[in-house]
Amino acid sequence: MDFIETYHINMIFRIIISCICGIAIGFERNNRAKEAGVRTHCIVACASALMMIISKYGFYDLIETAVNLGVDVRLDPSRMAQGIVTGVGFLGAGMIYIKRGSIRGLTTASGIWATSGIGMAIGAGMYIIGVVTTGIILIIQYSLHRKNKFMTQHKTRSLFIYKVTEDDFQNTITAKMNESGIIISDVCIKRNEDESCDYTFCMDMPEQIKEEDIIKSLSYQCKIDFVH
């Protein structure tokens, strides 16, 4: 294995560390059944480290040849980093979607973007910065997903109300829900043959509000279900 020199081992070590950091972040996302899991984060970190290594060290032979020929060659390693950030930005954008008026995938997309930065840092030889950033992201992910008294936890539910004959019913219910701190994000109306309407309200409601209390406060045939 004479063709493998010391600096090759150093580069391989950087890629392996990047993969480990990506796996750590992806494992947390995978446990929450998110769109991008262990494999995605691992590949993004690994590829980012590889591209950063190529950007820094991939043109040494060109520079050496140019020096021997007396030619002045200048390289900009930051151009590769700029391309990585842009490319991963498109990857993250594909994970963001809207479901019943709620935006999903923002945390996963930002995690992919951060993972690419970690891979770039380790690929550039900034081991401590990359590893510490991985730890910070994991702490943020785990701690902010837990219930605490400093943050208001919300849950998304669908409220179904049947056989409504009143005019301006949507505004009435919206105002009533807003008084309780409930946000109506989407409304679907179905008109029946008897001229009555069935309403479906997609709600973002505080965790402490019970579904049974909402049903009791309404004098209509209704039910509340989880948003799938």
Protein backbone atom coordinates (compact mmCIF):
# COMPACT_ATOMS: atom_id res chain seq x y z
CA MET A 1 0.00 0.00 0.00
CA ASP A 2 2.90 2.34 -0.80
CA PHE A 3 0.60 4.55 -2.88
CA ILE A 4 -1.33 5.53 0.27
CA GLU A 5 0.63 8.32 1.89
CA THR A 6 0.16 9.92 5.30
CA TYR A 7 -1.90 12.82 3.99
CA HIS A 8 -4.26 10.33 2.28
CA ILE A 9 -4.95 8.73 5.66
CA ASN A 10 -5.58 12.19 7.07
CA MET A 11 -8.14 12.92 4.33
CA ILE A 12 -9.88 9.57 4.85
CA PHE A 13 -10.01 10.27 8.58
CA ARG A 14 -11.75 13.58 7.90
CA ILE A 15 -14.39 11.89 5.76
CA ILE A 16 -15.00 9.23 8.42
CA ILE A 17 -15.43 11.88 11.14
CA SER A 18 -17.87 13.73 8.89
CA CYS A 19 -19.89 10.54 8.39
CA ILE A 20 -20.05 9.96 12.15
CA CYS A 21 -21.32 13.51 12.74
CA GLY A 22 -23.90 13.12 9.99
CA ILE A 23 -25.07 9.80 11.42
CA ALA A 24 -25.47 11.40 14.87
CA ILE A 25 -27.71 14.17 13.53
CA GLY A 26 -29.60 11.81 11.21
CA PHE A 27 -30.25 9.36 14.04
CA GLU A 28 -32.18 12.02 15.96
CA ARG A 29 -34.23 12.87 12.86
CA ASN A 30 -34.86 9.20 12.13
CA ASN A 31 -36.20 8.62 15.65
CA ARG A 32 -38.79 11.31 14.99
CA ALA A 33 -39.81 9.68 11.68
CA LYS A 34 -38.72 12.70 9.64
CA GLU A 35 -38.19 12.79 5.89
CA ALA A 36 -34.39 12.71 5.99
CA GLY A 37 -32.78 10.19 8.32
CA VAL A 38 -29.43 8.59 9.00
CA ARG A 39 -28.45 7.79 5.42
CA THR A 40 -29.32 11.22 4.02
CA HIS A 41 -27.42 13.15 6.71
CA CYS A 42 -24.46 10.78 6.50
CA ILE A 43 -24.18 11.14 2.72
CA VAL A 44 -24.53 14.94 2.86
CA ALA A 45 -21.79 15.22 5.49
CA CYS A 46 -19.52 12.78 3.67
CA ALA A 47 -19.98 14.45 0.27
CA SER A 48 -19.47 17.92 1.73
CA ALA A 49 -16.22 16.83 3.37
CA LEU A 50 -15.05 15.22 0.13
CA MET A 51 -15.80 18.34 -1.93
CA MET A 52 -14.05 20.55 0.59
CA ILE A 53 -10.97 18.31 0.52
CA ILE A 54 -10.96 18.44 -3.28
CA SER A 55 -11.28 22.22 -3.14
CA LYS A 56 -8.31 22.56 -0.79
CA TYR A 57 -5.97 19.80 -1.93
CA GLY A 58 -7.17 18.54 -5.29
CA PHE A 59 -5.07 20.93 -7.37
CA TYR A 60 -1.65 20.54 -5.83
CA ASP A 61 -0.32 18.79 -8.93
CA LEU A 62 -1.55 21.65 -11.11
CA ILE A 63 0.13 24.22 -8.90
CA GLU A 64 3.38 22.24 -8.83
CA THR A 65 3.39 21.95 -12.63
CA ALA A 66 2.64 25.65 -13.01
CA VAL A 67 5.46 26.59 -10.64
CA ASN A 68 7.91 24.45 -12.62
CA LEU A 69 6.81 26.20 -15.80
CA GLY A 70 7.02 29.62 -14.19
CA VAL A 71 3.30 30.27 -14.53
CA ASP A 72 1.40 32.17 -11.83
CA VAL A 73 -1.70 30.14 -10.88
CA ARG A 74 -4.16 31.34 -8.24
CA LEU A 75 -6.94 29.17 -6.82
CA ASP A 76 -9.96 30.10 -4.70
CA PRO A 77 -10.94 27.20 -2.38
CA SER A 78 -14.02 29.11 -1.21
CA ARG A 79 -15.73 28.68 -4.59
CA MET A 80 -16.32 25.00 -3.94
CA ALA A 81 -17.78 25.81 -0.53
CA GLN A 82 -20.16 28.29 -2.12
CA GLY A 83 -21.32 25.63 -4.55
CA ILE A 84 -21.93 23.15 -1.73
CA VAL A 85 -24.09 25.61 0.20
CA THR A 86 -26.15 26.40 -2.90
CA GLY A 87 -26.58 22.76 -3.92
CA VAL A 88 -27.60 21.57 -0.47
CA GLY A 89 -30.02 24.50 -0.28
CA PHE A 90 -31.93 23.01 -3.22
CA LEU A 91 -31.89 19.60 -1.51
CA GLY A 92 -33.36 21.08 1.65
CA ALA A 93 -36.00 23.01 -0.27
CA GLY A 94 -37.34 19.71 -1.61
CA MET A 95 -38.08 18.57 1.95
CA ILE A 96 -40.34 21.51 2.79
CA TYR A 97 -44.02 21.05 2.05
CA ILE A 98 -47.41 22.36 3.13
CA LYS A 99 -49.96 19.99 4.64
CA ARG A 100 -53.41 21.34 5.48
CA GLY A 101 -52.14 24.86 5.88
CA SER A 102 -49.14 23.89 8.05
CA ILE A 103 -45.55 24.10 6.84
CA ARG A 104 -43.62 20.88 7.45
CA GLY A 105 -39.97 19.91 7.00
CA LEU A 106 -38.31 23.21 7.96
CA THR A 107 -36.27 21.68 10.78
CA THR A 108 -35.17 18.75 8.63
CA ALA A 109 -34.18 21.08 5.78
CA SER A 110 -32.18 23.32 8.10
CA GLY A 111 -30.56 20.21 9.62
CA ILE A 112 -29.40 19.07 6.17
CA TRP A 113 -27.97 22.52 5.53
CA ALA A 114 -26.16 22.53 8.88
CA THR A 115 -24.86 19.00 8.28
CA SER A 116 -23.26 20.12 5.03
CA GLY A 117 -21.52 22.91 6.93
CA ILE A 118 -20.20 20.39 9.45
CA GLY A 119 -18.87 18.23 6.64
CA MET A 120 -17.18 21.25 5.06
CA ALA A 121 -15.59 22.24 8.38
CA ILE A 122 -14.17 18.77 9.00
CA GLY A 123 -13.11 18.45 5.38
CA ALA A 124 -11.17 21.69 5.82
CA GLY A 125 -9.41 20.23 8.87
CA MET A 126 -11.43 22.14 11.49
CA TYR A 127 -12.20 19.04 13.57
CA ILE A 128 -13.07 20.74 16.84
CA ILE A 129 -15.42 23.23 15.19
CA GLY A 130 -17.23 20.47 13.29
CA VAL A 131 -17.60 18.11 16.26
CA VAL A 132 -18.66 20.87 18.67
CA THR A 133 -21.24 22.14 16.16
CA THR A 134 -22.61 18.60 15.89
CA GLY A 135 -23.02 18.51 19.66
CA ILE A 136 -24.73 21.90 19.71
CA ILE A 137 -27.22 20.85 17.02
CA LEU A 138 -28.03 17.61 18.85
CA ILE A 139 -28.57 19.49 22.12
CA ILE A 140 -30.90 21.93 20.37
CA GLN A 141 -32.85 19.15 18.67
CA TYR A 142 -33.35 17.08 21.80
CA SER A 143 -33.92 19.89 24.31
CA LEU A 144 -36.35 22.01 22.27
CA HIS A 145 -38.52 18.99 21.40
CA ARG A 146 -39.17 18.34 25.07
CA LYS A 147 -42.01 19.98 26.93
CA ASN A 148 -40.94 22.82 29.18
CA LYS A 149 -42.58 25.69 30.98
CA PHE A 150 -40.86 28.33 28.88
CA MET A 151 -42.36 27.27 25.54
CA THR A 152 -45.99 26.85 24.54
CA GLN A 153 -46.50 23.45 22.96
CA HIS A 154 -49.02 23.21 20.12
CA LYS A 155 -50.86 20.33 18.50
CA THR A 156 -52.67 20.16 15.18
CA ARG A 157 -56.21 18.83 15.04
CA SER A 158 -59.09 18.73 12.60
CA LEU A 159 -62.50 19.92 13.80
CA PHE A 160 -65.46 18.52 11.85
CA ILE A 161 -68.84 20.27 12.23
CA TYR A 162 -71.88 18.87 10.43
CA LYS A 163 -75.27 20.16 9.25
CA VAL A 164 -74.63 23.87 9.68
CA THR A 165 -77.30 26.22 8.35
CA GLU A 166 -76.12 29.55 9.76
CA ASP A 167 -74.68 32.32 7.60
CA ASP A 168 -71.18 33.62 8.30
CA PHE A 169 -70.54 30.50 10.38
CA GLN A 170 -66.84 30.36 9.49
CA ASN A 171 -66.09 33.80 10.92
CA THR A 172 -68.09 32.99 14.06
CA ILE A 173 -66.12 29.82 14.77
CA THR A 174 -62.80 31.48 13.90
CA ALA A 175 -63.44 34.29 16.38
CA LYS A 176 -64.51 31.79 19.05
CA MET A 177 -61.38 29.69 18.57
CA ASN A 178 -59.11 32.74 18.60
CA GLU A 179 -60.46 33.68 22.03
CA SER A 180 -59.03 30.39 23.33
CA GLY A 181 -55.67 30.86 21.61
CA ILE A 182 -56.54 28.42 18.81
CA ILE A 183 -55.45 29.32 15.29
CA ILE A 184 -57.53 28.21 12.29
CA SER A 185 -55.03 27.47 9.52
CA ASP A 186 -57.35 25.99 6.90
CA VAL A 187 -61.08 25.55 6.25
CA CYS A 188 -62.90 23.13 3.97
CA ILE A 189 -66.65 23.48 3.29
CA LYS A 190 -68.90 20.80 1.83
CA ARG A 191 -72.45 21.72 0.80
CA ASN A 192 -75.12 19.06 1.32
CA GLU A 193 -78.32 18.42 -0.66
CA ASP A 194 -80.48 19.88 2.13
CA GLU A 195 -78.61 23.22 1.79
CA SER A 196 -76.68 22.62 5.02
CA CYS A 197 -72.89 22.62 5.12
CA ASP A 198 -70.23 20.42 6.66
CA TYR A 199 -67.14 22.29 7.85
CA THR A 200 -63.62 21.01 8.42
CA PHE A 201 -61.34 23.34 10.38
CA CYS A 202 -57.61 22.61 10.63
CA MET A 203 -56.48 24.03 13.98
CA ASP A 204 -53.20 24.72 15.75
CA MET A 205 -54.10 24.62 19.43
CA PRO A 206 -52.16 24.88 22.71
CA GLU A 207 -51.28 21.55 24.30
CA GLN A 208 -53.21 22.27 27.50
CA ILE A 209 -56.56 22.71 25.72
CA LYS A 210 -58.57 19.50 25.70
CA GLU A 211 -60.53 18.41 22.66
CA GLU A 212 -63.52 17.47 24.83
CA ASP A 213 -63.82 21.05 26.11
CA ILE A 214 -64.01 22.38 22.56
CA ILE A 215 -66.76 19.92 21.62
CA LYS A 216 -68.75 20.81 24.76
CA SER A 217 -68.53 24.52 23.91
CA LEU A 218 -70.17 23.97 20.52
CA SER A 219 -73.89 23.29 20.13
CA TYR A 220 -73.44 21.36 16.88
CA GLN A 221 -72.86 17.81 15.78
CA CYS A 222 -69.06 17.73 15.66
CA LYS A 223 -65.91 15.74 16.35
CA ILE A 224 -62.16 16.37 16.56
CA ASP A 225 -59.56 14.10 15.04
CA PHE A 226 -55.79 14.00 14.61
CA VAL A 227 -54.27 15.42 11.43
CA HIS A 228 -52.61 12.62 9.47
